[in-house]
Amino acid sequence: MRKLLIALSTLLSINTYAQTQSVNPRKEANSPSFGLISSTTEEEYLYMSKGFKVQIESGLDNKRGYIVNNPIKFDITNYSFEYFEILRETNKSSIGYVVKATSKVWNNTYYFAIPQKNEDLLKKSFEEISKLDDNMTTAFFQSYCLIIQTKISY
């Protein structure tokens, strides 16, 4: 489990730090290609890790100043992962992802924030992800690899 989290941490860190410039600027909000990447602030992380769940479950509008892209969904064994990219409305830069992770075995749903370009917040995210059982952590890691492939290959 620890080795898997270290590998996930390494991949996320590489992805986080590798994108300091626009590789392919966004032409529209729901573009699945890599675009501008912004550092996630503490307030944005709080929205992504707590407020987004409330927003979705209550049917509320997006937080003012932000755009939520349509989710990209992966079903892996007994788990489902939906990746919602969060963009700043002003410049369409990505601040990270909210991952809605669902266990089909226990019918539990979890929300995780994956921040961009902020190592301290990324550590917080890893701490939350590490609370999952080994099977779900492995599936989470697989889904993250798939989202990276999806973003790069577009």
C-alpha atoms as a PDB file:
ATOM      1  CA  MET A   1       0.000   0.000   0.000  1.00  0.00           C
ATOM      2  CA  ARG A   2       2.777   2.412   0.951  1.00  0.00           C
ATOM      3  CA  LYS A   3       4.636   1.710  -2.324  1.00  0.00           C
ATOM      4  CA  LEU A   4       1.454   2.341  -4.287  1.00  0.00           C
ATOM      5  CA  LEU A   5       0.907   5.693  -2.572  1.00  0.00           C
ATOM      6  CA  ILE A   6       4.524   6.667  -3.219  1.00  0.00           C
ATOM      7  CA  ALA A   7       4.080   5.804  -6.909  1.00  0.00           C
ATOM      8  CA  LEU A   8       0.820   7.790  -7.037  1.00  0.00           C
ATOM      9  CA  SER A   9       2.516  10.698  -5.290  1.00  0.00           C
ATOM     10  CA  THR A  10       5.361  10.650  -7.791  1.00  0.00           C
ATOM     11  CA  LEU A  11       3.026  10.583 -10.788  1.00  0.00           C
ATOM     12  CA  LEU A  12       0.871  13.374  -9.424  1.00  0.00           C
ATOM     13  CA  SER A  13       3.921  15.477  -8.587  1.00  0.00           C
ATOM     14  CA  ILE A  14       5.370  15.014 -12.060  1.00  0.00           C
ATOM     15  CA  ASN A  15       2.034  15.999 -13.582  1.00  0.00           C
ATOM     16  CA  THR A  16       1.724  18.952 -11.233  1.00  0.00           C
ATOM     17  CA  TYR A  17       5.176  20.416 -11.839  1.00  0.00           C
ATOM     18  CA  ALA A  18       5.520  19.528 -15.511  1.00  0.00           C
ATOM     19  CA  GLN A  19       2.845  21.979 -16.585  1.00  0.00           C
ATOM     20  CA  THR A  20       3.965  25.482 -15.935  1.00  0.00           C
ATOM     21  CA  GLN A  21       3.067  26.866 -19.349  1.00  0.00           C
ATOM     22  CA  SER A  22       0.168  26.424 -21.704  1.00  0.00           C
ATOM     23  CA  VAL A  23       0.760  23.425 -23.930  1.00  0.00           C
ATOM     24  CA  ASN A  24      -2.442  23.831 -25.857  1.00  0.00           C
ATOM     25  CA  PRO A  25      -4.550  26.856 -24.786  1.00  0.00           C
ATOM     26  CA  ARG A  26      -8.228  26.158 -24.244  1.00  0.00           C
ATOM     27  CA  LYS A  27     -10.592  27.379 -26.890  1.00  0.00           C
ATOM     28  CA  GLU A  28     -13.655  26.548 -24.836  1.00  0.00           C
ATOM     29  CA  ALA A  29     -14.428  25.606 -21.266  1.00  0.00           C
ATOM     30  CA  ASN A  30     -15.068  21.898 -21.810  1.00  0.00           C
ATOM     31  CA  SER A  31     -11.991  21.231 -23.905  1.00  0.00           C
ATOM     32  CA  PRO A  32     -10.410  17.990 -22.700  1.00  0.00           C
ATOM     33  CA  SER A  33      -6.917  19.011 -23.836  1.00  0.00           C
ATOM     34  CA  PHE A  34      -4.173  20.304 -21.580  1.00  0.00           C
ATOM     35  CA  GLY A  35      -4.344  24.051 -21.223  1.00  0.00           C
ATOM     36  CA  LEU A  36      -3.372  26.660 -18.694  1.00  0.00           C
ATOM     37  CA  ILE A  37      -2.588  25.297 -15.249  1.00  0.00           C
ATOM     38  CA  SER A  38      -2.900  27.451 -12.136  1.00  0.00           C
ATOM     39  CA  SER A  39      -1.759  26.872  -8.592  1.00  0.00           C
ATOM     40  CA  THR A  40      -4.631  25.752  -6.390  1.00  0.00           C
ATOM     41  CA  THR A  41      -5.216  28.094  -3.446  1.00  0.00           C
ATOM     42  CA  GLU A  42      -6.231  26.930   0.031  1.00  0.00           C
ATOM     43  CA  GLU A  43      -9.741  28.355  -0.529  1.00  0.00           C
ATOM     44  CA  GLU A  44     -10.066  26.545  -3.861  1.00  0.00           C
ATOM     45  CA  TYR A  45      -8.869  23.302  -2.292  1.00  0.00           C
ATOM     46  CA  LEU A  46     -11.509  23.665   0.417  1.00  0.00           C
ATOM     47  CA  TYR A  47     -14.176  24.150  -2.267  1.00  0.00           C
ATOM     48  CA  MET A  48     -12.898  21.145  -4.210  1.00  0.00           C
ATOM     49  CA  SER A  49     -12.573  18.859  -1.180  1.00  0.00           C
ATOM     50  CA  LYS A  50     -15.757  19.850   0.701  1.00  0.00           C
ATOM     51  CA  GLY A  51     -17.954  22.363  -1.119  1.00  0.00           C
ATOM     52  CA  PHE A  52     -18.174  20.508  -4.417  1.00  0.00           C
ATOM     53  CA  LYS A  53     -19.865  17.517  -2.762  1.00  0.00           C
ATOM     54  CA  VAL A  54     -22.451  19.799  -1.156  1.00  0.00           C
ATOM     55  CA  GLN A  55     -22.983  21.570  -4.491  1.00  0.00           C
ATOM     56  CA  ILE A  56     -23.567  18.303  -6.396  1.00  0.00           C
ATOM     57  CA  GLU A  57     -25.725  16.623  -3.765  1.00  0.00           C
ATOM     58  CA  SER A  58     -27.853  19.751  -3.260  1.00  0.00           C
ATOM     59  CA  GLY A  59     -28.210  20.578  -6.960  1.00  0.00           C
ATOM     60  CA  LEU A  60     -26.636  24.014  -6.496  1.00  0.00           C
ATOM     61  CA  ASP A  61     -24.982  26.109  -9.205  1.00  0.00           C
ATOM     62  CA  ASN A  62     -21.211  26.172  -9.612  1.00  0.00           C
ATOM     63  CA  LYS A  63     -19.223  28.385  -7.291  1.00  0.00           C
ATOM     64  CA  ARG A  64     -19.073  31.900  -8.738  1.00  0.00           C
ATOM     65  CA  GLY A  65     -15.956  32.417 -10.831  1.00  0.00           C
ATOM     66  CA  TYR A  66     -15.451  28.736 -11.681  1.00  0.00           C
ATOM     67  CA  ILE A  67     -16.403  26.355 -14.455  1.00  0.00           C
ATOM     68  CA  VAL A  68     -16.810  22.618 -13.906  1.00  0.00           C
ATOM     69  CA  ASN A  69     -16.079  20.497 -16.955  1.00  0.00           C
ATOM     70  CA  ASN A  70     -18.206  17.470 -17.760  1.00  0.00           C
ATOM     71  CA  PRO A  71     -16.829  14.460 -15.876  1.00  0.00           C
ATOM     72  CA  ILE A  72     -14.633  11.800 -17.400  1.00  0.00           C
ATOM     73  CA  LYS A  73     -15.675   8.446 -15.938  1.00  0.00           C
ATOM     74  CA  PHE A  74     -13.741   5.230 -15.460  1.00  0.00           C
ATOM     75  CA  ASP A  75     -15.174   1.948 -14.178  1.00  0.00           C
ATOM     76  CA  ILE A  76     -12.488  -0.289 -12.705  1.00  0.00           C
ATOM     77  CA  THR A  77     -13.525  -3.617 -11.181  1.00  0.00           C
ATOM     78  CA  ASN A  78     -15.878  -2.774  -8.302  1.00  0.00           C
ATOM     79  CA  TYR A  79     -15.239   0.963  -8.383  1.00  0.00           C
ATOM     80  CA  SER A  80     -16.254   3.999 -10.381  1.00  0.00           C
ATOM     81  CA  PHE A  81     -14.248   7.224 -10.673  1.00  0.00           C
ATOM     82  CA  GLU A  82     -15.550  10.483 -12.134  1.00  0.00           C
ATOM     83  CA  TYR A  83     -13.005  13.261 -12.737  1.00  0.00           C
ATOM     84  CA  PHE A  84     -14.409  16.799 -12.752  1.00  0.00           C
ATOM     85  CA  GLU A  85     -11.895  19.402 -13.913  1.00  0.00           C
ATOM     86  CA  ILE A  86     -12.335  22.780 -12.207  1.00  0.00           C
ATOM     87  CA  LEU A  87     -11.392  25.912 -14.198  1.00  0.00           C
ATOM     88  CA  ARG A  88     -11.132  29.549 -13.256  1.00  0.00           C
ATOM     89  CA  GLU A  89     -13.682  31.428 -15.312  1.00  0.00           C
ATOM     90  CA  THR A  90     -11.421  34.454 -15.879  1.00  0.00           C
ATOM     91  CA  ASN A  91      -8.699  32.711 -17.873  1.00  0.00           C
ATOM     92  CA  LYS A  92      -9.975  29.114 -18.233  1.00  0.00           C
ATOM     93  CA  SER A  93      -6.970  27.822 -16.271  1.00  0.00           C
ATOM     94  CA  SER A  94      -7.283  24.493 -14.484  1.00  0.00           C
ATOM     95  CA  ILE A  95      -6.997  24.529 -10.704  1.00  0.00           C
ATOM     96  CA  GLY A  96      -7.330  20.760 -10.383  1.00  0.00           C
ATOM     97  CA  TYR A  97      -9.803  17.914 -10.281  1.00  0.00           C
ATOM     98  CA  VAL A  98     -12.509  16.667  -8.014  1.00  0.00           C
ATOM     99  CA  VAL A  99     -12.695  12.892  -8.119  1.00  0.00           C
ATOM    100  CA  LYS A 100     -15.985  11.271  -7.184  1.00  0.00           C
ATOM    101  CA  ALA A 101     -15.031   7.718  -6.211  1.00  0.00           C
ATOM    102  CA  THR A 102     -17.767   5.141  -5.696  1.00  0.00           C
ATOM    103  CA  SER A 103     -17.464   1.641  -4.280  1.00  0.00           C
ATOM    104  CA  LYS A 104     -19.997  -0.623  -5.982  1.00  0.00           C
ATOM    105  CA  VAL A 105     -19.441  -3.228  -3.253  1.00  0.00           C
ATOM    106  CA  TRP A 106     -20.346  -1.056  -0.264  1.00  0.00           C
ATOM    107  CA  ASN A 107     -22.279   1.649  -2.114  1.00  0.00           C
ATOM    108  CA  ASN A 108     -20.066   4.337  -0.545  1.00  0.00           C
ATOM    109  CA  THR A 109     -19.153   7.539  -2.365  1.00  0.00           C
ATOM    110  CA  TYR A 110     -16.097   9.646  -1.605  1.00  0.00           C
ATOM    111  CA  TYR A 111     -14.925  12.999  -2.976  1.00  0.00           C
ATOM    112  CA  PHE A 112     -11.245  13.843  -3.348  1.00  0.00           C
ATOM    113  CA  ALA A 113      -9.535  17.033  -4.483  1.00  0.00           C
ATOM    114  CA  ILE A 114      -6.482  16.756  -6.737  1.00  0.00           C
ATOM    115  CA  PRO A 115      -4.868  20.218  -6.607  1.00  0.00           C
ATOM    116  CA  GLN A 116      -2.457  21.649  -9.187  1.00  0.00           C
ATOM    117  CA  LYS A 117       1.016  23.060  -8.509  1.00  0.00           C
ATOM    118  CA  ASN A 118       0.696  23.117  -4.706  1.00  0.00           C
ATOM    119  CA  GLU A 119       2.759  20.474  -2.933  1.00  0.00           C
ATOM    120  CA  ASP A 120       1.293  21.104   0.541  1.00  0.00           C
ATOM    121  CA  LEU A 121      -2.264  20.662  -0.690  1.00  0.00           C
ATOM    122  CA  LEU A 122      -1.235  17.603  -2.687  1.00  0.00           C
ATOM    123  CA  LYS A 123       0.053  16.027   0.535  1.00  0.00           C
ATOM    124  CA  LYS A 124      -3.332  16.706   2.168  1.00  0.00           C
ATOM    125  CA  SER A 125      -4.994  15.016  -0.777  1.00  0.00           C
ATOM    126  CA  PHE A 126      -2.746  11.945  -0.453  1.00  0.00           C
ATOM    127  CA  GLU A 127      -3.561  11.695   3.243  1.00  0.00           C
ATOM    128  CA  GLU A 128      -7.259  11.495   2.389  1.00  0.00           C
ATOM    129  CA  ILE A 129      -6.771   9.000  -0.460  1.00  0.00           C
ATOM    130  CA  SER A 130      -4.613   6.779   1.777  1.00  0.00           C
ATOM    131  CA  LYS A 131      -7.637   6.181   4.042  1.00  0.00           C
ATOM    132  CA  LEU A 132      -9.193   3.991   1.333  1.00  0.00           C
ATOM    133  CA  ASP A 133      -8.713   0.235   1.491  1.00  0.00           C
ATOM    134  CA  ASP A 134      -5.956  -1.328  -0.636  1.00  0.00           C
ATOM    135  CA  ASN A 135      -8.245  -2.484  -3.465  1.00  0.00           C
ATOM    136  CA  MET A 136      -9.874   0.909  -3.897  1.00  0.00           C
ATOM    137  CA  THR A 137      -6.505   2.685  -3.672  1.00  0.00           C
ATOM    138  CA  THR A 138      -5.177   0.452  -6.457  1.00  0.00           C
ATOM    139  CA  ALA A 139      -8.255   1.170  -8.597  1.00  0.00           C
ATOM    140  CA  PHE A 140      -7.889   4.902  -7.852  1.00  0.00           C
ATOM    141  CA  PHE A 141      -4.266   4.784  -9.044  1.00  0.00           C
ATOM    142  CA  GLN A 142      -5.342   2.991 -12.239  1.00  0.00           C
ATOM    143  CA  SER A 143      -8.025   5.598 -12.907  1.00  0.00           C
ATOM    144  CA  TYR A 144      -5.503   8.400 -12.384  1.00  0.00           C
ATOM    145  CA  CYS A 145      -3.167   6.814 -14.926  1.00  0.00           C
ATOM    146  CA  LEU A 146      -6.101   6.639 -17.345  1.00  0.00           C
ATOM    147  CA  ILE A 147      -7.002  10.315 -16.858  1.00  0.00           C
ATOM    148  CA  ILE A 148      -3.403  11.275 -17.596  1.00  0.00           C
ATOM    149  CA  GLN A 149      -3.456   9.172 -20.764  1.00  0.00           C
ATOM    150  CA  THR A 150      -6.795  10.658 -21.779  1.00  0.00           C
ATOM    151  CA  LYS A 151      -5.520  14.217 -21.333  1.00  0.00           C
ATOM    152  CA  ILE A 152      -2.192  13.635 -23.086  1.00  0.00           C
ATOM    153  CA  SER A 153      -3.564  11.680 -26.044  1.00  0.00           C
ATOM    154  CA  TYR A 154      -6.339  14.111 -26.948  1.00  0.00           C
END
